[in-house]
Amino acid sequence: MSLFITFEGGEGCGKSAQSRALYKKLMQLSIPVVLTHEPGGTPLGDEISRRLKWAKSPDISPMTELLLFNASRAQLVDGVIKPNLAKGEVVILDRYADSTTAYQGYGRGLDLEIVKKVNKAATQGVKPDLTVLLDMPSEEGLGRKKARKRDRFEKEILAFHQKVRQGYLKLAADEPQRWLVIDASQSKAKVAEVIWQRVSKLLPQQEVEK
């Protein structure tokens, strides 16, 4: 069966680690699975990602961000997400359209209806079966990033990240059946356990019991 799972959250919440952990768990069970990320996941997407996150010029407008993120997304949907779902595989994605709504909509202040329409065009209506939100106070997540160089978004002021967090929580509250909100301040093992409890219910029982 095909299953589309996305991971969302602010900076330093542990999305990448938890998406990899779930990927490894499914691989161990011999369940066909693909792990990818946004922005990127394709050669074109990776190029767009570098320009968005590491551009030396600070004057990339919010609207430009919206369109570039969705250009990368459209390529990923066509080249990776749809083909693998069509084959009946599990697709795990580190960030998806909800990131754009949270960052460019709530964080940057773009009109949410415009963000929604552009996202819908890029995703072609492909929605996740489950979205995992790893939630924690913004200052705590940013504190985890001190050890390495920060990209354009990580350098934003705390108020921006707080708006992003509140945007995520609003999205989750509006569509609770799709979202799993987890306190990301817990141990990695505990977070992974909560995720697996939810994901295992979405898989055929014979696959989980291998």
N, C-alpha and C. Protein backbone atom coordinates (compact mmCIF):
# COMPACT_ATOMS: atom_id res chain seq x y z
N MET A 1 0.84 -1.20 0.00
CA MET A 1 0.00 0.00 0.00
C MET A 1 0.87 1.24 0.00
N SER A 2 0.43 2.28 -0.68
CA SER A 2 1.18 3.53 -0.67
C SER A 2 0.82 4.32 0.57
N LEU A 3 1.80 5.08 1.07
CA LEU A 3 1.60 5.90 2.26
C LEU A 3 2.54 7.09 2.16
N PHE A 4 1.99 8.27 2.37
CA PHE A 4 2.77 9.51 2.25
C PHE A 4 2.84 10.17 3.61
N ILE A 5 4.06 10.25 4.18
CA ILE A 5 4.28 10.79 5.52
C ILE A 5 5.23 11.97 5.43
N THR A 6 4.84 13.09 6.01
CA THR A 6 5.71 14.27 6.01
C THR A 6 6.08 14.65 7.44
N PHE A 7 7.25 15.25 7.57
CA PHE A 7 7.74 15.74 8.86
C PHE A 7 7.86 17.25 8.80
N GLU A 8 7.34 17.92 9.82
CA GLU A 8 7.36 19.38 9.86
C GLU A 8 7.84 19.86 11.23
N GLY A 9 8.23 21.12 11.28
CA GLY A 9 8.64 21.72 12.55
C GLY A 9 9.63 22.85 12.33
N GLY A 10 9.88 23.60 13.38
CA GLY A 10 10.81 24.71 13.32
C GLY A 10 12.25 24.24 13.32
N GLU A 11 13.15 25.20 13.34
CA GLU A 11 14.58 24.89 13.30
C GLU A 11 15.01 24.11 14.55
N GLY A 12 15.80 23.07 14.33
CA GLY A 12 16.38 22.32 15.43
C GLY A 12 15.44 21.35 16.12
N CYS A 13 14.29 21.08 15.51
CA CYS A 13 13.31 20.22 16.19
C CYS A 13 13.60 18.74 16.05
N GLY A 14 14.49 18.36 15.14
CA GLY A 14 14.84 16.95 14.98
C GLY A 14 14.13 16.24 13.85
N LYS A 15 13.58 16.99 12.89
CA LYS A 15 12.86 16.37 11.77
C LYS A 15 13.72 15.38 10.99
N SER A 16 14.90 15.82 10.64
CA SER A 16 15.76 14.99 9.81
C SER A 16 16.12 13.68 10.51
N ALA A 17 16.45 13.77 11.79
CA ALA A 17 16.81 12.57 12.55
C ALA A 17 15.62 11.62 12.66
N GLN A 18 14.44 12.14 12.92
CA GLN A 18 13.28 11.29 13.08
C GLN A 18 12.79 10.71 11.75
N SER A 19 12.89 11.47 10.68
CA SER A 19 12.50 10.92 9.38
C SER A 19 13.45 9.80 8.97
N ARG A 20 14.74 9.96 9.28
CA ARG A 20 15.70 8.89 8.99
C ARG A 20 15.43 7.66 9.85
N ALA A 21 15.08 7.89 11.11
CA ALA A 21 14.80 6.77 12.01
C ALA A 21 13.60 5.96 11.51
N LEU A 22 12.56 6.65 11.07
CA LEU A 22 11.39 5.94 10.55
C LEU A 22 11.74 5.20 9.26
N TYR A 23 12.53 5.83 8.41
CA TYR A 23 12.97 5.18 7.17
C TYR A 23 13.72 3.88 7.49
N LYS A 24 14.63 3.92 8.43
CA LYS A 24 15.40 2.73 8.80
C LYS A 24 14.50 1.64 9.37
N LYS A 25 13.51 2.04 10.17
CA LYS A 25 12.57 1.09 10.75
C LYS A 25 11.80 0.35 9.66
N LEU A 26 11.32 1.09 8.67
CA LEU A 26 10.57 0.47 7.58
C LEU A 26 11.47 -0.41 6.71
N MET A 27 12.70 0.03 6.51
CA MET A 27 13.65 -0.79 5.75
C MET A 27 13.90 -2.12 6.45
N GLN A 28 14.02 -2.09 7.76
CA GLN A 28 14.24 -3.32 8.53
C GLN A 28 13.08 -4.29 8.39
N LEU A 29 11.89 -3.75 8.17
CA LEU A 29 10.70 -4.58 7.98
C LEU A 29 10.49 -4.96 6.51
N SER A 30 11.44 -4.58 5.67
CA SER A 30 11.38 -4.87 4.21
C SER A 30 10.16 -4.24 3.56
N ILE A 31 9.75 -3.10 4.08
CA ILE A 31 8.66 -2.34 3.48
C ILE A 31 9.25 -1.35 2.49
N PRO A 32 8.83 -1.38 1.23
CA PRO A 32 9.38 -0.45 0.23
C PRO A 32 9.17 1.00 0.66
N VAL A 33 10.25 1.75 0.77
CA VAL A 33 10.16 3.11 1.30
C VAL A 33 11.19 4.01 0.64
N VAL A 34 10.81 5.27 0.47
CA VAL A 34 11.70 6.28 -0.09
C VAL A 34 11.76 7.44 0.90
N LEU A 35 12.96 7.94 1.14
CA LEU A 35 13.15 9.10 2.01
C LEU A 35 13.72 10.24 1.18
N THR A 36 13.08 11.40 1.24
CA THR A 36 13.59 12.56 0.53
C THR A 36 13.32 13.82 1.36
N HIS A 37 13.64 14.98 0.79
CA HIS A 37 13.56 16.21 1.59
C HIS A 37 13.23 17.41 0.72
N GLU A 38 12.80 18.46 1.37
CA GLU A 38 12.57 19.76 0.73
C GLU A 38 13.31 20.85 1.50
N PRO A 39 13.70 21.93 0.80
CA PRO A 39 13.74 22.02 -0.65
C PRO A 39 14.87 21.15 -1.18
N GLY A 40 14.66 20.57 -2.32
CA GLY A 40 15.67 19.68 -2.89
C GLY A 40 15.05 18.36 -3.30
N GLY A 41 15.84 17.30 -3.20
CA GLY A 41 15.36 15.97 -3.55
C GLY A 41 15.49 15.63 -5.01
N THR A 42 15.81 16.63 -5.84
CA THR A 42 16.09 16.44 -7.26
C THR A 42 17.27 17.36 -7.60
N PRO A 43 17.96 17.14 -8.72
CA PRO A 43 19.06 18.03 -9.06
C PRO A 43 18.64 19.50 -9.15
N LEU A 44 17.50 19.77 -9.77
CA LEU A 44 17.01 21.15 -9.86
C LEU A 44 16.65 21.67 -8.47
N GLY A 45 15.97 20.84 -7.70
CA GLY A 45 15.58 21.25 -6.36
C GLY A 45 16.76 21.55 -5.46
N ASP A 46 17.82 20.76 -5.59
CA ASP A 46 19.01 21.00 -4.79
C ASP A 46 19.65 22.34 -5.14
N GLU A 47 19.63 22.68 -6.43
CA GLU A 47 20.19 23.97 -6.86
C GLU A 47 19.36 25.13 -6.31
N ILE A 48 18.04 24.98 -6.36
CA ILE A 48 17.16 26.01 -5.81
C ILE A 48 17.38 26.14 -4.31
N SER A 49 17.55 25.01 -3.63
CA SER A 49 17.77 25.02 -2.19
C SER A 49 19.01 25.81 -1.81
N ARG A 50 20.09 25.58 -2.55
CA ARG A 50 21.34 26.31 -2.25
C ARG A 50 21.13 27.81 -2.39
N ARG A 51 20.42 28.23 -3.42
CA ARG A 51 20.20 29.66 -3.62
C ARG A 51 19.30 30.25 -2.54
N LEU A 52 18.28 29.50 -2.13
CA LEU A 52 17.35 30.00 -1.12
C LEU A 52 17.98 30.08 0.27
N LYS A 53 18.76 29.08 0.62
CA LYS A 53 19.27 28.99 1.99
C LYS A 53 20.62 29.66 2.19
N TRP A 54 21.42 29.74 1.12
CA TRP A 54 22.79 30.22 1.30
C TRP A 54 23.13 31.42 0.43
N ALA A 55 22.12 32.04 -0.20
CA ALA A 55 22.38 33.21 -1.05
C ALA A 55 23.05 34.32 -0.26
N LYS A 56 24.08 34.91 -0.84
CA LYS A 56 24.77 36.01 -0.17
C LYS A 56 23.93 37.28 -0.19
N SER A 57 23.09 37.41 -1.21
CA SER A 57 22.23 38.58 -1.29
C SER A 57 21.05 38.42 -0.32
N PRO A 58 20.83 39.40 0.54
CA PRO A 58 19.75 39.28 1.53
C PRO A 58 18.38 39.71 1.02
N ASP A 59 18.32 40.14 -0.24
CA ASP A 59 17.08 40.76 -0.71
C ASP A 59 16.17 39.82 -1.50
N ILE A 60 16.14 38.54 -1.15
CA ILE A 60 15.18 37.63 -1.75
C ILE A 60 13.82 37.92 -1.10
N SER A 61 12.85 38.29 -1.90
CA SER A 61 11.56 38.70 -1.34
C SER A 61 10.74 37.48 -0.90
N PRO A 62 9.80 37.68 0.01
CA PRO A 62 8.93 36.57 0.43
C PRO A 62 8.21 35.91 -0.74
N MET A 63 7.74 36.71 -1.71
CA MET A 63 7.05 36.13 -2.86
C MET A 63 8.00 35.29 -3.70
N THR A 64 9.23 35.75 -3.84
CA THR A 64 10.23 34.96 -4.57
C THR A 64 10.49 33.65 -3.86
N GLU A 65 10.59 33.70 -2.53
CA GLU A 65 10.75 32.47 -1.74
C GLU A 65 9.60 31.51 -2.02
N LEU A 66 8.38 32.03 -1.98
CA LEU A 66 7.19 31.20 -2.21
C LEU A 66 7.27 30.48 -3.55
N LEU A 67 7.62 31.23 -4.59
CA LEU A 67 7.65 30.65 -5.93
C LEU A 67 8.81 29.68 -6.12
N LEU A 68 9.97 30.00 -5.55
CA LEU A 68 11.12 29.11 -5.69
C LEU A 68 10.92 27.81 -4.92
N PHE A 69 10.41 27.91 -3.70
CA PHE A 69 10.14 26.68 -2.95
C PHE A 69 9.16 25.79 -3.71
N ASN A 70 8.17 26.40 -4.32
CA ASN A 70 7.18 25.61 -5.04
C ASN A 70 7.68 25.11 -6.39
N ALA A 71 8.64 25.80 -6.99
CA ALA A 71 9.27 25.26 -8.20
C ALA A 71 10.02 23.98 -7.85
N SER A 72 10.76 24.01 -6.75
CA SER A 72 11.46 22.82 -6.28
C SER A 72 10.45 21.71 -5.96
N ARG A 73 9.37 22.09 -5.30
CA ARG A 73 8.33 21.11 -4.89
C ARG A 73 7.68 20.46 -6.10
N ALA A 74 7.34 21.24 -7.11
CA ALA A 74 6.68 20.70 -8.30
C ALA A 74 7.56 19.64 -8.96
N GLN A 75 8.86 19.91 -9.01
CA GLN A 75 9.80 18.95 -9.60
C GLN A 75 9.85 17.67 -8.78
N LEU A 76 9.81 17.81 -7.45
CA LEU A 76 9.86 16.64 -6.57
C LEU A 76 8.58 15.82 -6.67
N VAL A 77 7.45 16.48 -6.74
CA VAL A 77 6.18 15.77 -6.87
C VAL A 77 6.15 14.94 -8.14
N ASP A 78 6.55 15.56 -9.25
CA ASP A 78 6.52 14.86 -10.54
C ASP A 78 7.58 13.76 -10.64
N GLY A 79 8.77 14.05 -10.11
CA GLY A 79 9.88 13.13 -10.32
C GLY A 79 10.07 12.06 -9.26
N VAL A 80 9.56 12.30 -8.06
CA VAL A 80 9.82 11.37 -6.96
C VAL A 80 8.54 10.92 -6.24
N ILE A 81 7.75 11.88 -5.77
CA ILE A 81 6.63 11.53 -4.90
C ILE A 81 5.56 10.73 -5.64
N LYS A 82 5.03 11.26 -6.72
CA LYS A 82 3.95 10.57 -7.44
C LYS A 82 4.39 9.21 -8.00
N PRO A 83 5.57 9.11 -8.63
CA PRO A 83 5.97 7.80 -9.17
C PRO A 83 6.09 6.72 -8.09
N ASN A 84 6.64 7.08 -6.93
CA ASN A 84 6.82 6.07 -5.88
C ASN A 84 5.51 5.72 -5.18
N LEU A 85 4.63 6.68 -5.02
CA LEU A 85 3.31 6.36 -4.47
C LEU A 85 2.54 5.46 -5.44
N ALA A 86 2.71 5.71 -6.72
CA ALA A 86 2.03 4.89 -7.73
C ALA A 86 2.51 3.45 -7.69
N LYS A 87 3.74 3.23 -7.24
CA LYS A 87 4.29 1.88 -7.12
C LYS A 87 3.89 1.22 -5.80
N GLY A 88 3.12 1.93 -4.98
CA GLY A 88 2.68 1.36 -3.72
C GLY A 88 3.69 1.47 -2.60
N GLU A 89 4.65 2.39 -2.72
CA GLU A 89 5.68 2.53 -1.70
C GLU A 89 5.30 3.57 -0.65
N VAL A 90 6.03 3.53 0.46
CA VAL A 90 5.90 4.56 1.47
C VAL A 90 6.86 5.69 1.12
N VAL A 91 6.39 6.90 1.09
CA VAL A 91 7.24 8.06 0.82
C VAL A 91 7.31 8.90 2.09
N ILE A 92 8.54 9.10 2.59
CA ILE A 92 8.77 9.95 3.77
C ILE A 92 9.44 11.22 3.29
N LEU A 93 8.88 12.35 3.66
CA LEU A 93 9.40 13.63 3.19
C LEU A 93 9.68 14.58 4.34
N ASP A 94 10.91 15.05 4.39
CA ASP A 94 11.34 16.03 5.40
C ASP A 94 10.99 17.42 4.86
N ARG A 95 9.87 17.96 5.29
CA ARG A 95 9.25 19.23 4.88
C ARG A 95 8.44 19.05 3.58
N TYR A 96 7.31 19.78 3.55
CA TYR A 96 6.45 19.77 2.36
C TYR A 96 5.71 21.11 2.33
N ALA A 97 4.54 21.14 1.75
CA ALA A 97 3.84 22.41 1.54
C ALA A 97 3.51 23.13 2.84
N ASP A 98 3.29 22.39 3.92
CA ASP A 98 2.98 23.04 5.19
C ASP A 98 4.13 23.93 5.66
N SER A 99 5.36 23.57 5.31
CA SER A 99 6.50 24.42 5.65
C SER A 99 6.35 25.79 5.00
N THR A 100 5.93 25.81 3.74
CA THR A 100 5.78 27.07 3.03
C THR A 100 4.66 27.90 3.65
N THR A 101 3.58 27.25 4.03
CA THR A 101 2.50 27.99 4.69
C THR A 101 2.98 28.59 6.00
N ALA A 102 3.75 27.80 6.77
CA ALA A 102 4.22 28.28 8.07
C ALA A 102 5.28 29.37 7.93
N TYR A 103 6.25 29.16 7.05
CA TYR A 103 7.38 30.10 6.93
C TYR A 103 7.04 31.33 6.09
N GLN A 104 6.51 31.11 4.88
CA GLN A 104 6.24 32.26 4.01
C GLN A 104 4.88 32.90 4.32
N GLY A 105 3.92 32.08 4.76
CA GLY A 105 2.61 32.62 5.11
C GLY A 105 2.61 33.27 6.49
N TYR A 106 2.74 32.47 7.52
CA TYR A 106 2.70 33.01 8.88
C TYR A 106 3.98 33.76 9.24
N GLY A 107 5.13 33.23 8.86
CA GLY A 107 6.39 33.87 9.23
C GLY A 107 6.66 35.15 8.47
N ARG A 108 6.55 35.11 7.14
CA ARG A 108 6.82 36.29 6.30
C ARG A 108 5.61 37.21 6.16
N GLY A 109 4.43 36.66 6.41
CA GLY A 109 3.24 37.50 6.33
C GLY A 109 2.59 37.57 4.96
N LEU A 110 2.90 36.63 4.06
CA LEU A 110 2.24 36.62 2.76
C LEU A 110 0.77 36.24 2.93
N ASP A 111 -0.05 36.68 2.00
CA ASP A 111 -1.46 36.35 2.01
C ASP A 111 -1.63 34.83 1.99
N LEU A 112 -2.33 34.29 2.99
CA LEU A 112 -2.45 32.84 3.12
C LEU A 112 -3.21 32.21 1.96
N GLU A 113 -4.14 32.93 1.37
CA GLU A 113 -4.88 32.38 0.24
C GLU A 113 -3.98 32.25 -0.98
N ILE A 114 -3.08 33.21 -1.17
CA ILE A 114 -2.13 33.11 -2.28
C ILE A 114 -1.19 31.94 -2.05
N VAL A 115 -0.68 31.82 -0.83
CA VAL A 115 0.21 30.71 -0.49
C VAL A 115 -0.49 29.38 -0.75
N LYS A 116 -1.73 29.28 -0.33
CA LYS A 116 -2.50 28.03 -0.50
C LYS A 116 -2.66 27.68 -1.97
N LYS A 117 -2.96 28.67 -2.80
CA LYS A 117 -3.18 28.40 -4.23
C LYS A 117 -1.88 27.98 -4.92
N VAL A 118 -0.77 28.65 -4.59
CA VAL A 118 0.51 28.29 -5.22
C VAL A 118 0.95 26.90 -4.76
N ASN A 119 0.77 26.62 -3.47
CA ASN A 119 1.10 25.29 -2.96
C ASN A 119 0.28 24.21 -3.66
N LYS A 120 -1.01 24.47 -3.83
CA LYS A 120 -1.89 23.49 -4.45
C LYS A 120 -1.48 23.20 -5.89
N ALA A 121 -1.07 24.24 -6.61
CA ALA A 121 -0.63 24.05 -7.99
C ALA A 121 0.62 23.18 -8.04
N ALA A 122 1.56 23.44 -7.14
CA ALA A 122 2.83 22.70 -7.15
C ALA A 122 2.66 21.25 -6.71
N THR A 123 1.78 21.02 -5.74
CA THR A 123 1.60 19.66 -5.22
C THR A 123 0.64 18.83 -6.07
N GLN A 124 -0.08 19.49 -6.97
CA GLN A 124 -1.08 18.81 -7.81
C GLN A 124 -2.10 18.07 -6.95
N GLY A 125 -2.35 18.60 -5.76
CA GLY A 125 -3.34 17.99 -4.89
C GLY A 125 -2.86 16.79 -4.11
N VAL A 126 -1.57 16.46 -4.22
CA VAL A 126 -1.03 15.31 -3.48
C VAL A 126 -0.84 15.71 -2.02
N LYS A 127 -1.64 15.13 -1.13
CA LYS A 127 -1.60 15.48 0.29
C LYS A 127 -1.05 14.31 1.11
N PRO A 128 -0.38 14.61 2.20
CA PRO A 128 0.13 13.55 3.07
C PRO A 128 -1.01 12.79 3.76
N ASP A 129 -0.76 11.51 4.00
CA ASP A 129 -1.68 10.73 4.83
C ASP A 129 -1.45 11.07 6.30
N LEU A 130 -0.22 11.40 6.64
CA LEU A 130 0.14 11.76 8.01
C LEU A 130 1.22 12.83 7.97
N THR A 131 1.04 13.85 8.80
CA THR A 131 2.07 14.89 8.96
C THR A 131 2.47 14.93 10.43
N VAL A 132 3.75 14.70 10.68
CA VAL A 132 4.28 14.70 12.04
C VAL A 132 4.87 16.09 12.32
N LEU A 133 4.32 16.75 13.33
CA LEU A 133 4.84 18.06 13.74
C LEU A 133 5.66 17.88 15.01
N LEU A 134 6.96 18.13 14.91
CA LEU A 134 7.83 18.07 16.07
C LEU A 134 7.90 19.47 16.65
N ASP A 135 7.18 19.67 17.72
CA ASP A 135 6.99 21.01 18.28
C ASP A 135 7.85 21.24 19.52
N MET A 136 8.45 22.42 19.57
CA MET A 136 9.19 22.85 20.75
C MET A 136 9.30 24.36 20.74
N PRO A 137 9.57 25.00 21.89
CA PRO A 137 9.76 26.44 21.88
C PRO A 137 10.86 26.84 20.89
N SER A 138 10.62 27.93 20.18
CA SER A 138 11.56 28.35 19.13
C SER A 138 12.97 28.58 19.66
N GLU A 139 13.08 29.18 20.83
CA GLU A 139 14.41 29.47 21.37
C GLU A 139 15.18 28.19 21.69
N GLU A 140 14.44 27.14 22.08
CA GLU A 140 15.08 25.86 22.37
C GLU A 140 15.61 25.22 21.08
N GLY A 141 14.81 25.26 20.04
CA GLY A 141 15.24 24.69 18.77
C GLY A 141 16.43 25.43 18.19
N LEU A 142 16.39 26.76 18.22
CA LEU A 142 17.50 27.56 17.70
C LEU A 142 18.77 27.32 18.52
N GLY A 143 18.60 27.05 19.81
CA GLY A 143 19.75 26.79 20.65
C GLY A 143 20.50 25.54 20.23
N ARG A 144 19.81 24.62 19.61
CA ARG A 144 20.46 23.40 19.12
C ARG A 144 21.32 23.65 17.90
N LYS A 145 21.17 24.81 17.27
CA LYS A 145 21.86 25.12 16.02
C LYS A 145 23.18 25.88 16.23
N LYS A 146 23.56 26.14 17.45
CA LYS A 146 24.71 27.00 17.72
C LYS A 146 26.03 26.41 17.24
N ALA A 147 26.07 25.12 17.10
CA ALA A 147 27.35 24.47 16.81
C ALA A 147 27.78 24.56 15.35
N ARG A 148 26.89 25.03 14.47
CA ARG A 148 27.27 25.06 13.06
C ARG A 148 26.81 26.35 12.39
N LYS A 149 27.26 26.53 11.17
CA LYS A 149 26.89 27.72 10.40
C LYS A 149 25.39 27.76 10.14
N ARG A 150 24.79 28.93 10.26
CA ARG A 150 23.34 29.06 10.09
C ARG A 150 22.99 29.56 8.69
N ASP A 151 21.89 29.04 8.14
CA ASP A 151 21.44 29.50 6.83
C ASP A 151 20.56 30.74 6.99
N ARG A 152 20.01 31.24 5.88
CA ARG A 152 19.22 32.48 5.91
C ARG A 152 18.05 32.42 6.89
N PHE A 153 17.40 31.28 6.96
CA PHE A 153 16.21 31.17 7.80
C PHE A 153 16.59 31.01 9.27
N GLU A 154 17.61 30.27 9.53
CA GLU A 154 18.07 30.10 10.91
C GLU A 154 18.56 31.41 11.51
N LYS A 155 19.00 32.34 10.66
CA LYS A 155 19.50 33.63 11.13
C LYS A 155 18.38 34.62 11.45
N GLU A 156 17.15 34.28 11.11
CA GLU A 156 16.04 35.20 11.36
C GLU A 156 15.85 35.43 12.86
N ILE A 157 15.27 36.57 13.21
CA ILE A 157 15.06 36.92 14.61
C ILE A 157 14.06 35.95 15.26
N LEU A 158 14.09 35.90 16.57
CA LEU A 158 13.24 34.96 17.32
C LEU A 158 11.76 35.15 17.01
N ALA A 159 11.32 36.40 16.86
CA ALA A 159 9.90 36.66 16.59
C ALA A 159 9.43 35.97 15.31
N PHE A 160 10.28 35.91 14.30
CA PHE A 160 9.93 35.22 13.06
C PHE A 160 9.67 33.75 13.34
N HIS A 161 10.57 33.11 14.06
CA HIS A 161 10.44 31.69 14.35
C HIS A 161 9.24 31.40 15.24
N GLN A 162 8.91 32.32 16.11
CA GLN A 162 7.72 32.16 16.95
C GLN A 162 6.45 32.22 16.10
N LYS A 163 6.43 33.09 15.10
CA LYS A 163 5.29 33.14 14.18
C LYS A 163 5.17 31.84 13.39
N VAL A 164 6.31 31.30 12.97
CA VAL A 164 6.31 30.04 12.24
C VAL A 164 5.72 28.93 13.12
N ARG A 165 6.17 28.88 14.37
CA ARG A 165 5.66 27.85 15.29
C ARG A 165 4.15 27.97 15.47
N GLN A 166 3.67 29.18 15.69
CA GLN A 166 2.24 29.38 15.87
C GLN A 166 1.48 29.01 14.59
N GLY A 167 2.09 29.26 13.44
CA GLY A 167 1.47 28.86 12.18
C GLY A 167 1.31 27.36 12.09
N TYR A 168 2.34 26.64 12.45
CA TYR A 168 2.26 25.17 12.46
C TYR A 168 1.15 24.68 13.38
N LEU A 169 1.10 25.23 14.58
CA LEU A 169 0.10 24.79 15.55
C LEU A 169 -1.32 25.09 15.06
N LYS A 170 -1.48 26.21 14.35
CA LYS A 170 -2.78 26.54 13.78
C LYS A 170 -3.16 25.53 12.69
N LEU A 171 -2.21 25.20 11.83
CA LEU A 171 -2.47 24.22 10.78
C LEU A 171 -2.86 22.87 11.37
N ALA A 172 -2.15 22.46 12.40
CA ALA A 172 -2.45 21.18 13.04
C ALA A 172 -3.82 21.18 13.70
N ALA A 173 -4.18 22.30 14.32
CA ALA A 173 -5.48 22.41 14.98
C ALA A 173 -6.63 22.39 13.97
N ASP A 174 -6.37 22.94 12.78
CA ASP A 174 -7.40 23.01 11.75
C ASP A 174 -7.64 21.67 11.06
N GLU A 175 -6.66 20.76 11.14
CA GLU A 175 -6.77 19.47 10.44
C GLU A 175 -6.21 18.35 11.33
N PRO A 176 -6.80 18.14 12.50
CA PRO A 176 -6.21 17.21 13.48
C PRO A 176 -6.12 15.77 13.03
N GLN A 177 -6.98 15.36 12.09
CA GLN A 177 -6.95 13.98 11.64
C GLN A 177 -5.68 13.65 10.86
N ARG A 178 -5.09 14.67 10.24
CA ARG A 178 -3.85 14.44 9.46
C ARG A 178 -2.59 14.64 10.28
N TRP A 179 -2.65 15.45 11.31
CA TRP A 179 -1.44 15.84 12.04
C TRP A 179 -1.24 15.02 13.31
N LEU A 180 0.02 14.74 13.59
CA LEU A 180 0.44 14.17 14.87
C LEU A 180 1.41 15.17 15.49
N VAL A 181 0.99 15.82 16.56
CA VAL A 181 1.82 16.84 17.21
C VAL A 181 2.55 16.20 18.39
N ILE A 182 3.88 16.30 18.39
CA ILE A 182 4.70 15.67 19.42
C ILE A 182 5.58 16.71 20.08
N ASP A 183 5.73 16.60 21.38
CA ASP A 183 6.66 17.45 22.12
C ASP A 183 8.08 16.99 21.79
N ALA A 184 8.77 17.78 20.97
CA ALA A 184 10.10 17.40 20.50
C ALA A 184 11.18 17.61 21.54
N SER A 185 10.80 18.12 22.72
CA SER A 185 11.78 18.28 23.80
C SER A 185 12.06 16.95 24.49
N GLN A 186 11.24 15.94 24.21
CA GLN A 186 11.45 14.62 24.78
C GLN A 186 12.68 13.96 24.16
N SER A 187 13.09 12.84 24.70
CA SER A 187 14.24 12.12 24.16
C SER A 187 13.95 11.64 22.74
N LYS A 188 15.00 11.47 21.95
CA LYS A 188 14.83 10.99 20.58
C LYS A 188 14.12 9.65 20.55
N ALA A 189 14.46 8.79 21.51
CA ALA A 189 13.85 7.46 21.55
C ALA A 189 12.35 7.55 21.82
N LYS A 190 11.96 8.43 22.73
CA LYS A 190 10.54 8.58 23.04
C LYS A 190 9.78 9.14 21.86
N VAL A 191 10.34 10.14 21.20
CA VAL A 191 9.70 10.73 20.03
C VAL A 191 9.52 9.68 18.94
N ALA A 192 10.57 8.90 18.70
CA ALA A 192 10.51 7.84 17.68
C ALA A 192 9.44 6.80 18.02
N GLU A 193 9.30 6.51 19.30
CA GLU A 193 8.30 5.53 19.75
C GLU A 193 6.89 6.03 19.47
N VAL A 194 6.64 7.31 19.77
CA VAL A 194 5.31 7.89 19.52
C VAL A 194 5.00 7.89 18.03
N ILE A 195 5.98 8.23 17.23
CA ILE A 195 5.79 8.24 15.76
C ILE A 195 5.45 6.84 15.26
N TRP A 196 6.19 5.85 15.73
CA TRP A 196 5.97 4.48 15.26
C TRP A 196 4.60 3.97 15.67
N GLN A 197 4.15 4.32 16.86
CA GLN A 197 2.82 3.90 17.31
C GLN A 197 1.75 4.36 16.33
N ARG A 198 1.90 5.58 15.83
CA ARG A 198 0.92 6.12 14.88
C ARG A 198 1.09 5.51 13.49
N VAL A 199 2.33 5.44 13.02
CA VAL A 199 2.58 4.93 11.67
C VAL A 199 2.19 3.46 11.55
N SER A 200 2.47 2.68 12.57
CA SER A 200 2.17 1.23 12.51
C SER A 200 0.68 0.97 12.31
N LYS A 201 -0.16 1.88 12.78
CA LYS A 201 -1.60 1.73 12.62
C LYS A 201 -2.05 1.98 11.18
N LEU A 202 -1.20 2.65 10.40
CA LEU A 202 -1.53 2.97 9.03
C LEU A 202 -1.06 1.89 8.05
N LEU A 203 -0.25 0.95 8.55
CA LEU A 203 0.32 -0.10 7.72
C LEU A 203 -0.49 -1.38 7.87
N PRO A 204 -0.49 -2.24 6.85
CA PRO A 204 -1.12 -3.55 6.99
C PRO A 204 -0.50 -4.31 8.18
N GLN A 205 -1.31 -4.96 8.98
CA GLN A 205 -0.82 -5.60 10.19
C GLN A 205 0.23 -6.66 9.89
N GLN A 206 0.10 -7.35 8.78
CA GLN A 206 1.09 -8.38 8.46
C GLN A 206 2.46 -7.81 8.18
N GLU A 207 2.51 -6.54 7.74
CA GLU A 207 3.79 -5.88 7.50
C GLU A 207 4.46 -5.52 8.83
N VAL A 208 3.67 -5.06 9.78
CA VAL A 208 4.20 -4.65 11.08
C VAL A 208 4.71 -5.84 11.88
N GLU A 209 4.08 -7.01 11.69
CA GLU A 209 4.41 -8.19 12.47
C GLU A 209 5.50 -9.05 11.87
N LYS A 210 6.16 -8.57 10.82
CA LYS A 210 7.24 -9.36 10.19
C LYS A 210 8.33 -9.67 11.20
